[in-house]
Amino acid sequence: MSNFSDVMDYLGLSQDEAASVLNTSAEEIVRWRNTNEAPPLHIWQSLVQMLDDVRRSAEEAAKSADLDHLEASDLNKVTLAMPSQMSSDLAGPKRAATALAVATLARVFV
């Protein structure tokens, strides 16, 4: 496995989704995931943008929670409004942002 593969897993992207959003072929995605061959710089830059979008979305979603009425038992069912930059059809990045937002909210109880 490669670091590229780890990023794809973190973002929850299938090889077809990754190929589509990164404007490359599924074969390239498979090769970068399974070998030490690194993708070109523009691919890494696109991934950095996606990771930044996930982080920003998580921060905004956590800020929108009602902390005054939040209890630890609510963390598993809290509904978070995701900002518009995460409005794509990709479920993986939304799940990553939700996980980060819930982790941020859980820190209230630590």
PDB file of N, CA and C in Angstrom:
ATOM      1  N   MET A   1       0.834  -1.183   0.000  1.00  0.00           N
ATOM      2  CA  MET A   1       0.000   0.000   0.000  1.00  0.00           C
ATOM      3  C   MET A   1       0.879   1.247   0.000  1.00  0.00           C
ATOM      4  N   SER A   2       0.295   2.341  -0.361  1.00  0.00           N
ATOM      5  CA  SER A   2       1.031   3.591  -0.478  1.00  0.00           C
ATOM      6  C   SER A   2       0.347   4.679   0.344  1.00  0.00           C
ATOM      7  N   ASN A   3       1.045   5.773   0.510  1.00  0.00           N
ATOM      8  CA  ASN A   3       0.433   6.920   1.176  1.00  0.00           C
ATOM      9  C   ASN A   3      -0.764   7.422   0.369  1.00  0.00           C
ATOM     10  N   PHE A   4      -0.659   7.367  -0.937  1.00  0.00           N
ATOM     11  CA  PHE A   4      -1.784   7.739  -1.793  1.00  0.00           C
ATOM     12  C   PHE A   4      -2.998   6.879  -1.453  1.00  0.00           C
ATOM     13  N   SER A   5      -2.780   5.595  -1.275  1.00  0.00           N
ATOM     14  CA  SER A   5      -3.855   4.681  -0.919  1.00  0.00           C
ATOM     15  C   SER A   5      -4.482   5.060   0.421  1.00  0.00           C
ATOM     16  N   ASP A   6      -3.646   5.424   1.382  1.00  0.00           N
ATOM     17  CA  ASP A   6      -4.157   5.842   2.689  1.00  0.00           C
ATOM     18  C   ASP A   6      -5.043   7.081   2.575  1.00  0.00           C
ATOM     19  N   VAL A   7      -4.644   8.025   1.745  1.00  0.00           N
ATOM     20  CA  VAL A   7      -5.451   9.238   1.554  1.00  0.00           C
ATOM     21  C   VAL A   7      -6.784   8.880   0.901  1.00  0.00           C
ATOM     22  N   MET A   8      -6.755   7.996  -0.098  1.00  0.00           N
ATOM     23  CA  MET A   8      -7.995   7.566  -0.747  1.00  0.00           C
ATOM     24  C   MET A   8      -8.926   6.894   0.271  1.00  0.00           C
ATOM     25  N   ASP A   9      -8.344   6.046   1.132  1.00  0.00           N
ATOM     26  CA  ASP A   9      -9.162   5.377   2.151  1.00  0.00           C
ATOM     27  C   ASP A   9      -9.736   6.390   3.144  1.00  0.00           C
ATOM     28  N   TYR A  10      -8.922   7.343   3.573  1.00  0.00           N
ATOM     29  CA  TYR A  10      -9.385   8.365   4.519  1.00  0.00           C
ATOM     30  C   TYR A  10     -10.563   9.146   3.933  1.00  0.00           C
ATOM     31  N   LEU A  11     -10.443   9.479   2.661  1.00  0.00           N
ATOM     32  CA  LEU A  11     -11.504  10.246   2.000  1.00  0.00           C
ATOM     33  C   LEU A  11     -12.680   9.364   1.588  1.00  0.00           C
ATOM     34  N   GLY A  12     -12.527   8.060   1.693  1.00  0.00           N
ATOM     35  CA  GLY A  12     -13.614   7.152   1.347  1.00  0.00           C
ATOM     36  C   GLY A  12     -13.938   7.133  -0.131  1.00  0.00           C
ATOM     37  N   LEU A  13     -12.928   7.356  -0.958  1.00  0.00           N
ATOM     38  CA  LEU A  13     -13.155   7.398  -2.403  1.00  0.00           C
ATOM     39  C   LEU A  13     -12.919   6.033  -3.042  1.00  0.00           C
ATOM     40  N   SER A  14     -13.845   5.602  -3.860  1.00  0.00           N
ATOM     41  CA  SER A  14     -13.626   4.401  -4.666  1.00  0.00           C
ATOM     42  C   SER A  14     -12.647   4.758  -5.781  1.00  0.00           C
ATOM     43  N   GLN A  15     -12.126   3.754  -6.460  1.00  0.00           N
ATOM     44  CA  GLN A  15     -11.185   4.062  -7.533  1.00  0.00           C
ATOM     45  C   GLN A  15     -11.875   4.833  -8.654  1.00  0.00           C
ATOM     46  N   ASP A  16     -13.142   4.535  -8.929  1.00  0.00           N
ATOM     47  CA  ASP A  16     -13.863   5.256  -9.982  1.00  0.00           C
ATOM     48  C   ASP A  16     -14.143   6.704  -9.572  1.00  0.00           C
ATOM     49  N   GLU A  17     -14.532   6.912  -8.304  1.00  0.00           N
ATOM     50  CA  GLU A  17     -14.757   8.281  -7.824  1.00  0.00           C
ATOM     51  C   GLU A  17     -13.457   9.082  -7.873  1.00  0.00           C
ATOM     52  N   ALA A  18     -12.381   8.474  -7.400  1.00  0.00           N
ATOM     53  CA  ALA A  18     -11.085   9.163  -7.408  1.00  0.00           C
ATOM     54  C   ALA A  18     -10.673   9.520  -8.826  1.00  0.00           C
ATOM     55  N   ALA A  19     -10.832   8.581  -9.750  1.00  0.00           N
ATOM     56  CA  ALA A  19     -10.477   8.853 -11.147  1.00  0.00           C
ATOM     57  C   ALA A  19     -11.293  10.016 -11.694  1.00  0.00           C
ATOM     58  N   SER A  20     -12.570  10.043 -11.357  1.00  0.00           N
ATOM     59  CA  SER A  20     -13.446  11.108 -11.849  1.00  0.00           C
ATOM     60  C   SER A  20     -13.055  12.472 -11.279  1.00  0.00           C
ATOM     61  N   VAL A  21     -12.915  12.570  -9.954  1.00  0.00           N
ATOM     62  CA  VAL A  21     -12.639  13.873  -9.352  1.00  0.00           C
ATOM     63  C   VAL A  21     -11.208  14.336  -9.590  1.00  0.00           C
ATOM     64  N   LEU A  22     -10.301  13.399  -9.851  1.00  0.00           N
ATOM     65  CA  LEU A  22      -8.904  13.771 -10.094  1.00  0.00           C
ATOM     66  C   LEU A  22      -8.578  13.842 -11.586  1.00  0.00           C
ATOM     67  N   ASN A  23      -9.588  13.634 -12.422  1.00  0.00           N
ATOM     68  CA  ASN A  23      -9.427  13.716 -13.876  1.00  0.00           C
ATOM     69  C   ASN A  23      -8.290  12.836 -14.387  1.00  0.00           C
ATOM     70  N   THR A  24      -8.363  11.577 -14.021  1.00  0.00           N
ATOM     71  CA  THR A  24      -7.370  10.613 -14.477  1.00  0.00           C
ATOM     72  C   THR A  24      -8.084   9.287 -14.701  1.00  0.00           C
ATOM     73  N   SER A  25      -7.351   8.257 -15.031  1.00  0.00           N
ATOM     74  CA  SER A  25      -7.967   6.953 -15.291  1.00  0.00           C
ATOM     75  C   SER A  25      -7.996   6.096 -14.030  1.00  0.00           C
ATOM     76  N   ALA A  26      -8.924   5.172 -14.015  1.00  0.00           N
ATOM     77  CA  ALA A  26      -9.001   4.231 -12.900  1.00  0.00           C
ATOM     78  C   ALA A  26      -7.725   3.390 -12.824  1.00  0.00           C
ATOM     79  N   GLU A  27      -7.122   3.105 -13.966  1.00  0.00           N
ATOM     80  CA  GLU A  27      -5.876   2.340 -13.983  1.00  0.00           C
ATOM     81  C   GLU A  27      -4.758   3.085 -13.268  1.00  0.00           C
ATOM     82  N   GLU A  28      -4.693   4.390 -13.457  1.00  0.00           N
ATOM     83  CA  GLU A  28      -3.682   5.199 -12.759  1.00  0.00           C
ATOM     84  C   GLU A  28      -3.925   5.154 -11.249  1.00  0.00           C
ATOM     85  N   ILE A  29      -5.179   5.272 -10.858  1.00  0.00           N
ATOM     86  CA  ILE A  29      -5.516   5.219  -9.428  1.00  0.00           C
ATOM     87  C   ILE A  29      -5.061   3.896  -8.833  1.00  0.00           C
ATOM     88  N   VAL A  30      -5.356   2.794  -9.510  1.00  0.00           N
ATOM     89  CA  VAL A  30      -4.955   1.469  -9.024  1.00  0.00           C
ATOM     90  C   VAL A  30      -3.439   1.385  -8.918  1.00  0.00           C
ATOM     91  N   ARG A  31      -2.730   1.863  -9.919  1.00  0.00           N
ATOM     92  CA  ARG A  31      -1.259   1.814  -9.895  1.00  0.00           C
ATOM     93  C   ARG A  31      -0.700   2.634  -8.741  1.00  0.00           C
ATOM     94  N   TRP A  32      -1.219   3.854  -8.532  1.00  0.00           N
ATOM     95  CA  TRP A  32      -0.714   4.704  -7.448  1.00  0.00           C
ATOM     96  C   TRP A  32      -1.049   4.117  -6.085  1.00  0.00           C
ATOM     97  N   ARG A  33      -2.168   3.428  -5.991  1.00  0.00           N
ATOM     98  CA  ARG A  33      -2.556   2.805  -4.715  1.00  0.00           C
ATOM     99  C   ARG A  33      -1.688   1.604  -4.379  1.00  0.00           C
ATOM    100  N   ASN A  34      -1.299   0.841  -5.378  1.00  0.00           N
ATOM    101  CA  ASN A  34      -0.675  -0.454  -5.148  1.00  0.00           C
ATOM    102  C   ASN A  34       0.827  -0.527  -5.398  1.00  0.00           C
ATOM    103  N   THR A  35       1.427   0.577  -5.790  1.00  0.00           N
ATOM    104  CA  THR A  35       2.869   0.570  -6.041  1.00  0.00           C
ATOM    105  C   THR A  35       3.485   1.781  -5.330  1.00  0.00           C
ATOM    106  N   ASN A  36       4.785   1.863  -5.410  1.00  0.00           N
ATOM    107  CA  ASN A  36       5.480   3.023  -4.847  1.00  0.00           C
ATOM    108  C   ASN A  36       5.537   4.194  -5.824  1.00  0.00           C
ATOM    109  N   GLU A  37       4.974   4.016  -7.009  1.00  0.00           N
ATOM    110  CA  GLU A  37       4.954   5.112  -7.982  1.00  0.00           C
ATOM    111  C   GLU A  37       4.013   6.204  -7.495  1.00  0.00           C
ATOM    112  N   ALA A  38       4.538   7.394  -7.362  1.00  0.00           N
ATOM    113  CA  ALA A  38       3.740   8.513  -6.846  1.00  0.00           C
ATOM    114  C   ALA A  38       2.991   9.213  -7.973  1.00  0.00           C
ATOM    115  N   PRO A  39       1.798   9.704  -7.660  1.00  0.00           N
ATOM    116  CA  PRO A  39       1.076  10.508  -8.653  1.00  0.00           C
ATOM    117  C   PRO A  39       1.789  11.840  -8.872  1.00  0.00           C
ATOM    118  N   PRO A  40       1.472  12.512  -9.968  1.00  0.00           N
ATOM    119  CA  PRO A  40       2.084  13.825 -10.218  1.00  0.00           C
ATOM    120  C   PRO A  40       1.607  14.873  -9.210  1.00  0.00           C
ATOM    121  N   LEU A  41       2.349  15.952  -9.154  1.00  0.00           N
ATOM    122  CA  LEU A  41       2.096  17.020  -8.188  1.00  0.00           C
ATOM    123  C   LEU A  41       0.666  17.543  -8.257  1.00  0.00           C
ATOM    124  N   HIS A  42       0.103  17.700  -9.454  1.00  0.00           N
ATOM    125  CA  HIS A  42      -1.259  18.256  -9.541  1.00  0.00           C
ATOM    126  C   HIS A  42      -2.289  17.333  -8.874  1.00  0.00           C
ATOM    127  N   ILE A  43      -2.032  16.039  -8.842  1.00  0.00           N
ATOM    128  CA  ILE A  43      -2.933  15.108  -8.150  1.00  0.00           C
ATOM    129  C   ILE A  43      -2.839  15.343  -6.644  1.00  0.00           C
ATOM    130  N   TRP A  44      -1.612  15.455  -6.115  1.00  0.00           N
ATOM    131  CA  TRP A  44      -1.436  15.741  -4.683  1.00  0.00           C
ATOM    132  C   TRP A  44      -2.095  17.065  -4.317  1.00  0.00           C
ATOM    133  N   GLN A  45      -1.962  18.064  -5.182  1.00  0.00           N
ATOM    134  CA  GLN A  45      -2.571  19.366  -4.900  1.00  0.00           C
ATOM    135  C   GLN A  45      -4.095  19.252  -4.832  1.00  0.00           C
ATOM    136  N   SER A  46      -4.681  18.456  -5.708  1.00  0.00           N
ATOM    137  CA  SER A  46      -6.130  18.237  -5.660  1.00  0.00           C
ATOM    138  C   SER A  46      -6.534  17.521  -4.375  1.00  0.00           C
ATOM    139  N   LEU A  47      -5.714  16.566  -3.947  1.00  0.00           N
ATOM    140  CA  LEU A  47      -6.005  15.856  -2.694  1.00  0.00           C
ATOM    141  C   LEU A  47      -5.902  16.779  -1.496  1.00  0.00           C
ATOM    142  N   VAL A  48      -4.911  17.645  -1.489  1.00  0.00           N
ATOM    143  CA  VAL A  48      -4.767  18.618  -0.399  1.00  0.00           C
ATOM    144  C   VAL A  48      -6.009  19.498  -0.334  1.00  0.00           C
ATOM    145  N   GLN A  49      -6.506  19.919  -1.486  1.00  0.00           N
ATOM    146  CA  GLN A  49      -7.725  20.743  -1.522  1.00  0.00           C
ATOM    147  C   GLN A  49      -8.914  19.982  -0.951  1.00  0.00           C
ATOM    148  N   MET A  50      -9.040  18.708  -1.316  1.00  0.00           N
ATOM    149  CA  MET A  50     -10.145  17.900  -0.784  1.00  0.00           C
ATOM    150  C   MET A  50     -10.022  17.734   0.723  1.00  0.00           C
ATOM    151  N   LEU A  51      -8.824  17.466   1.209  1.00  0.00           N
ATOM    152  CA  LEU A  51      -8.607  17.318   2.651  1.00  0.00           C
ATOM    153  C   LEU A  51      -8.888  18.625   3.381  1.00  0.00           C
ATOM    154  N   ASP A  52      -8.489  19.740   2.787  1.00  0.00           N
ATOM    155  CA  ASP A  52      -8.793  21.046   3.382  1.00  0.00           C
ATOM    156  C   ASP A  52     -10.303  21.288   3.420  1.00  0.00           C
ATOM    157  N   ASP A  53     -10.998  20.894   2.359  1.00  0.00           N
ATOM    158  CA  ASP A  53     -12.457  21.037   2.327  1.00  0.00           C
ATOM    159  C   ASP A  53     -13.105  20.197   3.420  1.00  0.00           C
ATOM    160  N   VAL A  54     -12.611  18.986   3.623  1.00  0.00           N
ATOM    161  CA  VAL A  54     -13.138  18.121   4.679  1.00  0.00           C
ATOM    162  C   VAL A  54     -12.919  18.775   6.040  1.00  0.00           C
ATOM    163  N   ARG A  55     -11.709  19.262   6.276  1.00  0.00           N
ATOM    164  CA  ARG A  55     -11.392  19.897   7.566  1.00  0.00           C
ATOM    165  C   ARG A  55     -12.263  21.125   7.801  1.00  0.00           C
ATOM    166  N   ARG A  56     -12.372  21.996   6.795  1.00  0.00           N
ATOM    167  CA  ARG A  56     -13.193  23.203   6.942  1.00  0.00           C
ATOM    168  C   ARG A  56     -14.660  22.852   7.162  1.00  0.00           C
ATOM    169  N   SER A  57     -15.136  21.863   6.435  1.00  0.00           N
ATOM    170  CA  SER A  57     -16.530  21.444   6.599  1.00  0.00           C
ATOM    171  C   SER A  57     -16.773  20.903   7.996  1.00  0.00           C
ATOM    172  N   ALA A  58     -15.822  20.124   8.502  1.00  0.00           N
ATOM    173  CA  ALA A  58     -15.953  19.588   9.859  1.00  0.00           C
ATOM    174  C   ALA A  58     -15.979  20.709  10.878  1.00  0.00           C
ATOM    175  N   GLU A  59     -15.109  21.691  10.716  1.00  0.00           N
ATOM    176  CA  GLU A  59     -15.082  22.825  11.648  1.00  0.00           C
ATOM    177  C   GLU A  59     -16.396  23.592  11.620  1.00  0.00           C
ATOM    178  N   GLU A  60     -16.900  23.857  10.433  1.00  0.00           N
ATOM    179  CA  GLU A  60     -18.152  24.597  10.307  1.00  0.00           C
ATOM    180  C   GLU A  60     -19.336  23.792  10.865  1.00  0.00           C
ATOM    181  N   ALA A  61     -19.336  22.501  10.600  1.00  0.00           N
ATOM    182  CA  ALA A  61     -20.415  21.658  11.113  1.00  0.00           C
ATOM    183  C   ALA A  61     -20.386  21.618  12.635  1.00  0.00           C
ATOM    184  N   ALA A  62     -19.203  21.510  13.218  1.00  0.00           N
ATOM    185  CA  ALA A  62     -19.089  21.484  14.681  1.00  0.00           C
ATOM    186  C   ALA A  62     -19.516  22.817  15.278  1.00  0.00           C
ATOM    187  N   LYS A  63     -19.161  23.913  14.617  1.00  0.00           N
ATOM    188  CA  LYS A  63     -19.550  25.238  15.119  1.00  0.00           C
ATOM    189  C   LYS A  63     -21.065  25.420  15.110  1.00  0.00           C
ATOM    190  N   SER A  64     -21.739  24.724  14.202  1.00  0.00           N
ATOM    191  CA  SER A  64     -23.187  24.908  14.074  1.00  0.00           C
ATOM    192  C   SER A  64     -23.979  24.099  15.111  1.00  0.00           C
ATOM    193  N   ALA A  65     -23.302  23.237  15.849  1.00  0.00           N
ATOM    194  CA  ALA A  65     -24.003  22.408  16.849  1.00  0.00           C
ATOM    195  C   ALA A  65     -24.404  23.259  18.047  1.00  0.00           C
ATOM    196  N   ASP A  66     -25.483  22.884  18.676  1.00  0.00           N
ATOM    197  CA  ASP A  66     -25.986  23.571  19.867  1.00  0.00           C
ATOM    198  C   ASP A  66     -25.304  22.992  21.104  1.00  0.00           C
ATOM    199  N   LEU A  67     -24.164  23.554  21.475  1.00  0.00           N
ATOM    200  CA  LEU A  67     -23.367  23.029  22.587  1.00  0.00           C
ATOM    201  C   LEU A  67     -24.063  23.181  23.932  1.00  0.00           C
ATOM    202  N   ASP A  68     -24.962  24.147  24.051  1.00  0.00           N
ATOM    203  CA  ASP A  68     -25.661  24.361  25.321  1.00  0.00           C
ATOM    204  C   ASP A  68     -26.576  23.197  25.687  1.00  0.00           C
ATOM    205  N   HIS A  69     -27.026  22.471  24.683  1.00  0.00           N
ATOM    206  CA  HIS A  69     -27.963  21.381  24.939  1.00  0.00           C
ATOM    207  C   HIS A  69     -27.408  20.020  24.504  1.00  0.00           C
ATOM    208  N   LEU A  70     -26.128  19.940  24.275  1.00  0.00           N
ATOM    209  CA  LEU A  70     -25.507  18.713  23.799  1.00  0.00           C
ATOM    210  C   LEU A  70     -25.094  17.826  24.974  1.00  0.00           C
ATOM    211  N   GLU A  71     -25.462  16.563  24.890  1.00  0.00           N
ATOM    212  CA  GLU A  71     -25.044  15.587  25.892  1.00  0.00           C
ATOM    213  C   GLU A  71     -24.264  14.496  25.174  1.00  0.00           C
ATOM    214  N   ALA A  72     -23.419  13.780  25.919  1.00  0.00           N
ATOM    215  CA  ALA A  72     -22.578  12.741  25.311  1.00  0.00           C
ATOM    216  C   ALA A  72     -23.413  11.721  24.547  1.00  0.00           C
ATOM    217  N   SER A  73     -24.590  11.406  25.050  1.00  0.00           N
ATOM    218  CA  SER A  73     -25.444  10.432  24.365  1.00  0.00           C
ATOM    219  C   SER A  73     -25.943  10.950  23.015  1.00  0.00           C
ATOM    220  N   ASP A  74     -25.848  12.256  22.782  1.00  0.00           N
ATOM    221  CA  ASP A  74     -26.298  12.839  21.520  1.00  0.00           C
ATOM    222  C   ASP A  74     -25.284  12.673  20.390  1.00  0.00           C
ATOM    223  N   LEU A  75     -24.035  12.378  20.731  1.00  0.00           N
ATOM    224  CA  LEU A  75     -22.979  12.360  19.715  1.00  0.00           C
ATOM    225  C   LEU A  75     -23.240  11.360  18.594  1.00  0.00           C
ATOM    226  N   ASN A  76     -23.883  10.257  18.904  1.00  0.00           N
ATOM    227  CA  ASN A  76     -24.113   9.239  17.886  1.00  0.00           C
ATOM    228  C   ASN A  76     -25.279   9.573  16.977  1.00  0.00           C
ATOM    229  N   LYS A  77     -26.099  10.532  17.360  1.00  0.00           N
ATOM    230  CA  LYS A  77     -27.276  10.837  16.546  1.00  0.00           C
ATOM    231  C   LYS A  77     -27.369  12.304  16.139  1.00  0.00           C
ATOM    232  N   VAL A  78     -26.375  13.096  16.518  1.00  0.00           N
ATOM    233  CA  VAL A  78     -26.417  14.507  16.159  1.00  0.00           C
ATOM    234  C   VAL A  78     -26.396  14.660  14.638  1.00  0.00           C
ATOM    235  N   THR A  79     -27.233  15.531  14.137  1.00  0.00           N
ATOM    236  CA  THR A  79     -27.290  15.818  12.707  1.00  0.00           C
ATOM    237  C   THR A  79     -26.528  17.106  12.455  1.00  0.00           C
ATOM    238  N   LEU A  80     -25.568  17.025  11.567  1.00  0.00           N
ATOM    239  CA  LEU A  80     -24.727  18.179  11.281  1.00  0.00           C
ATOM    240  C   LEU A  80     -25.051  18.731   9.903  1.00  0.00           C
ATOM    241  N   ALA A  81     -25.167  20.026   9.830  1.00  0.00           N
ATOM    242  CA  ALA A  81     -25.367  20.683   8.537  1.00  0.00           C
ATOM    243  C   ALA A  81     -24.000  20.856   7.894  1.00  0.00           C
ATOM    244  N   MET A  82     -23.820  20.258   6.729  1.00  0.00           N
ATOM    245  CA  MET A  82     -22.541  20.363   6.052  1.00  0.00           C
ATOM    246  C   MET A  82     -22.542  21.607   5.168  1.00  0.00           C
ATOM    247  N   PRO A  83     -21.477  22.368   5.229  1.00  0.00           N
ATOM    248  CA  PRO A  83     -21.377  23.566   4.391  1.00  0.00           C
ATOM    249  C   PRO A  83     -21.432  23.226   2.907  1.00  0.00           C
ATOM    250  N   SER A  84     -21.696  24.210   2.107  1.00  0.00           N
ATOM    251  CA  SER A  84     -21.938  23.997   0.685  1.00  0.00           C
ATOM    252  C   SER A  84     -20.742  23.414  -0.063  1.00  0.00           C
ATOM    253  N   GLN A  85     -19.511  23.651   0.383  1.00  0.00           N
ATOM    254  CA  GLN A  85     -18.379  23.108  -0.368  1.00  0.00           C
ATOM    255  C   GLN A  85     -18.338  21.581  -0.309  1.00  0.00           C
ATOM    256  N   MET A  86     -19.116  20.985   0.591  1.00  0.00           N
ATOM    257  CA  MET A  86     -19.179  19.529   0.675  1.00  0.00           C
ATOM    258  C   MET A  86     -20.465  19.005   0.044  1.00  0.00           C
ATOM    259  N   SER A  87     -21.067  19.760  -0.825  1.00  0.00           N
ATOM    260  CA  SER A  87     -22.363  19.362  -1.377  1.00  0.00           C
ATOM    261  C   SER A  87     -22.234  18.429  -2.574  1.00  0.00           C
ATOM    262  N   SER A  88     -21.034  17.953  -2.850  1.00  0.00           N
ATOM    263  CA  SER A  88     -20.871  17.031  -3.974  1.00  0.00           C
ATOM    264  C   SER A  88     -21.576  15.715  -3.674  1.00  0.00           C
ATOM    265  N   ASP A  89     -21.610  14.852  -4.649  1.00  0.00           N
ATOM    266  CA  ASP A  89     -22.262  13.555  -4.492  1.00  0.00           C
ATOM    267  C   ASP A  89     -21.344  12.514  -3.857  1.00  0.00           C
ATOM    268  N   LEU A  90     -20.159  12.909  -3.441  1.00  0.00           N
ATOM    269  CA  LEU A  90     -19.214  11.963  -2.869  1.00  0.00           C
ATOM    270  C   LEU A  90     -19.506  11.749  -1.391  1.00  0.00           C
ATOM    271  N   ALA A  91     -19.935  10.558  -1.048  1.00  0.00           N
ATOM    272  CA  ALA A  91     -20.293  10.254   0.337  1.00  0.00           C
ATOM    273  C   ALA A  91     -19.071  10.137   1.229  1.00  0.00           C
ATOM    274  N   GLY A  92     -17.956   9.656   0.707  1.00  0.00           N
ATOM    275  CA  GLY A  92     -16.763   9.446   1.519  1.00  0.00           C
ATOM    276  C   GLY A  92     -16.252  10.706   2.198  1.00  0.00           C
ATOM    277  N   PRO A  93     -16.018  11.790   1.456  1.00  0.00           N
ATOM    278  CA  PRO A  93     -15.570  13.022   2.101  1.00  0.00           C
ATOM    279  C   PRO A  93     -16.583  13.566   3.110  1.00  0.00           C
ATOM    280  N   LYS A  94     -17.870  13.375   2.856  1.00  0.00           N
ATOM    281  CA  LYS A  94     -18.880  13.809   3.829  1.00  0.00           C
ATOM    282  C   LYS A  94     -18.778  12.991   5.108  1.00  0.00           C
ATOM    283  N   ARG A  95     -18.540  11.678   4.976  1.00  0.00           N
ATOM    284  CA  ARG A  95     -18.363  10.839   6.165  1.00  0.00           C
ATOM    285  C   ARG A  95     -17.118  11.259   6.938  1.00  0.00           C
ATOM    286  N   ALA A  96     -16.033  11.563   6.221  1.00  0.00           N
ATOM    287  CA  ALA A  96     -14.802  12.000   6.890  1.00  0.00           C
ATOM    288  C   ALA A  96     -15.043  13.301   7.642  1.00  0.00           C
ATOM    289  N   ALA A  97     -15.741  14.241   7.019  1.00  0.00           N
ATOM    290  CA  ALA A  97     -16.034  15.517   7.676  1.00  0.00           C
ATOM    291  C   ALA A  97     -16.936  15.316   8.887  1.00  0.00           C
ATOM    292  N   THR A  98     -17.915  14.439   8.766  1.00  0.00           N
ATOM    293  CA  THR A  98     -18.807  14.159   9.895  1.00  0.00           C
ATOM    294  C   THR A  98     -18.022  13.542  11.046  1.00  0.00           C
ATOM    295  N   ALA A  99     -17.144  12.606  10.742  1.00  0.00           N
ATOM    296  CA  ALA A  99     -16.338  11.977  11.789  1.00  0.00           C
ATOM    297  C   ALA A  99     -15.475  13.004  12.506  1.00  0.00           C
ATOM    298  N   LEU A 100     -14.855  13.892  11.756  1.00  0.00           N
ATOM    299  CA  LEU A 100     -14.038  14.938  12.385  1.00  0.00           C
ATOM    300  C   LEU A 100     -14.892  15.890  13.212  1.00  0.00           C
ATOM    301  N   ALA A 101     -16.066  16.232  12.714  1.00  0.00           N
ATOM    302  CA  ALA A 101     -16.948  17.139  13.453  1.00  0.00           C
ATOM    303  C   ALA A 101     -17.407  16.499  14.760  1.00  0.00           C
ATOM    304  N   VAL A 102     -17.788  15.237  14.715  1.00  0.00           N
ATOM    305  CA  VAL A 102     -18.231  14.548  15.933  1.00  0.00           C
ATOM    306  C   VAL A 102     -17.068  14.434  16.924  1.00  0.00           C
ATOM    307  N   ALA A 103     -15.866  14.149  16.409  1.00  0.00           N
ATOM    308  CA  ALA A 103     -14.705  14.093  17.298  1.00  0.00           C
ATOM    309  C   ALA A 103     -14.454  15.451  17.955  1.00  0.00           C
ATOM    310  N   THR A 104     -14.641  16.524  17.206  1.00  0.00           N
ATOM    311  CA  THR A 104     -14.487  17.869  17.753  1.00  0.00           C
ATOM    312  C   THR A 104     -15.521  18.093  18.854  1.00  0.00           C
ATOM    313  N   LEU A 105     -16.755  17.709  18.611  1.00  0.00           N
ATOM    314  CA  LEU A 105     -17.801  17.867  19.604  1.00  0.00           C
ATOM    315  C   LEU A 105     -17.539  16.997  20.835  1.00  0.00           C
ATOM    316  N   ALA A 106     -16.997  15.817  20.637  1.00  0.00           N
ATOM    317  CA  ALA A 106     -16.720  14.910  21.761  1.00  0.00           C
ATOM    318  C   ALA A 106     -15.680  15.516  22.713  1.00  0.00           C
ATOM    319  N   ARG A 107     -14.822  16.378  22.184  1.00  0.00           N
ATOM    320  CA  ARG A 107     -13.812  17.014  23.035  1.00  0.00           C
ATOM    321  C   ARG A 107     -14.445  17.866  24.139  1.00  0.00           C
ATOM    322  N   VAL A 108     -15.678  18.281  23.925  1.00  0.00           N
ATOM    323  CA  VAL A 108     -16.405  19.053  24.950  1.00  0.00           C
ATOM    324  C   VAL A 108     -16.520  18.250  26.232  1.00  0.00           C
ATOM    325  N   PHE A 109     -16.583  16.931  26.107  1.00  0.00           N
ATOM    326  CA  PHE A 109     -16.802  16.066  27.261  1.00  0.00           C
ATOM    327  C   PHE A 109     -15.513  15.499  27.842  1.00  0.00           C
ATOM    328  N   VAL A 110     -14.390  15.853  27.281  1.00  0.00           N
ATOM    329  CA  VAL A 110     -13.108  15.315  27.758  1.00  0.00           C
ATOM    330  C   VAL A 110     -12.506  16.225  28.795  1.00  0.00           C
TER     331      VAL A 110
END
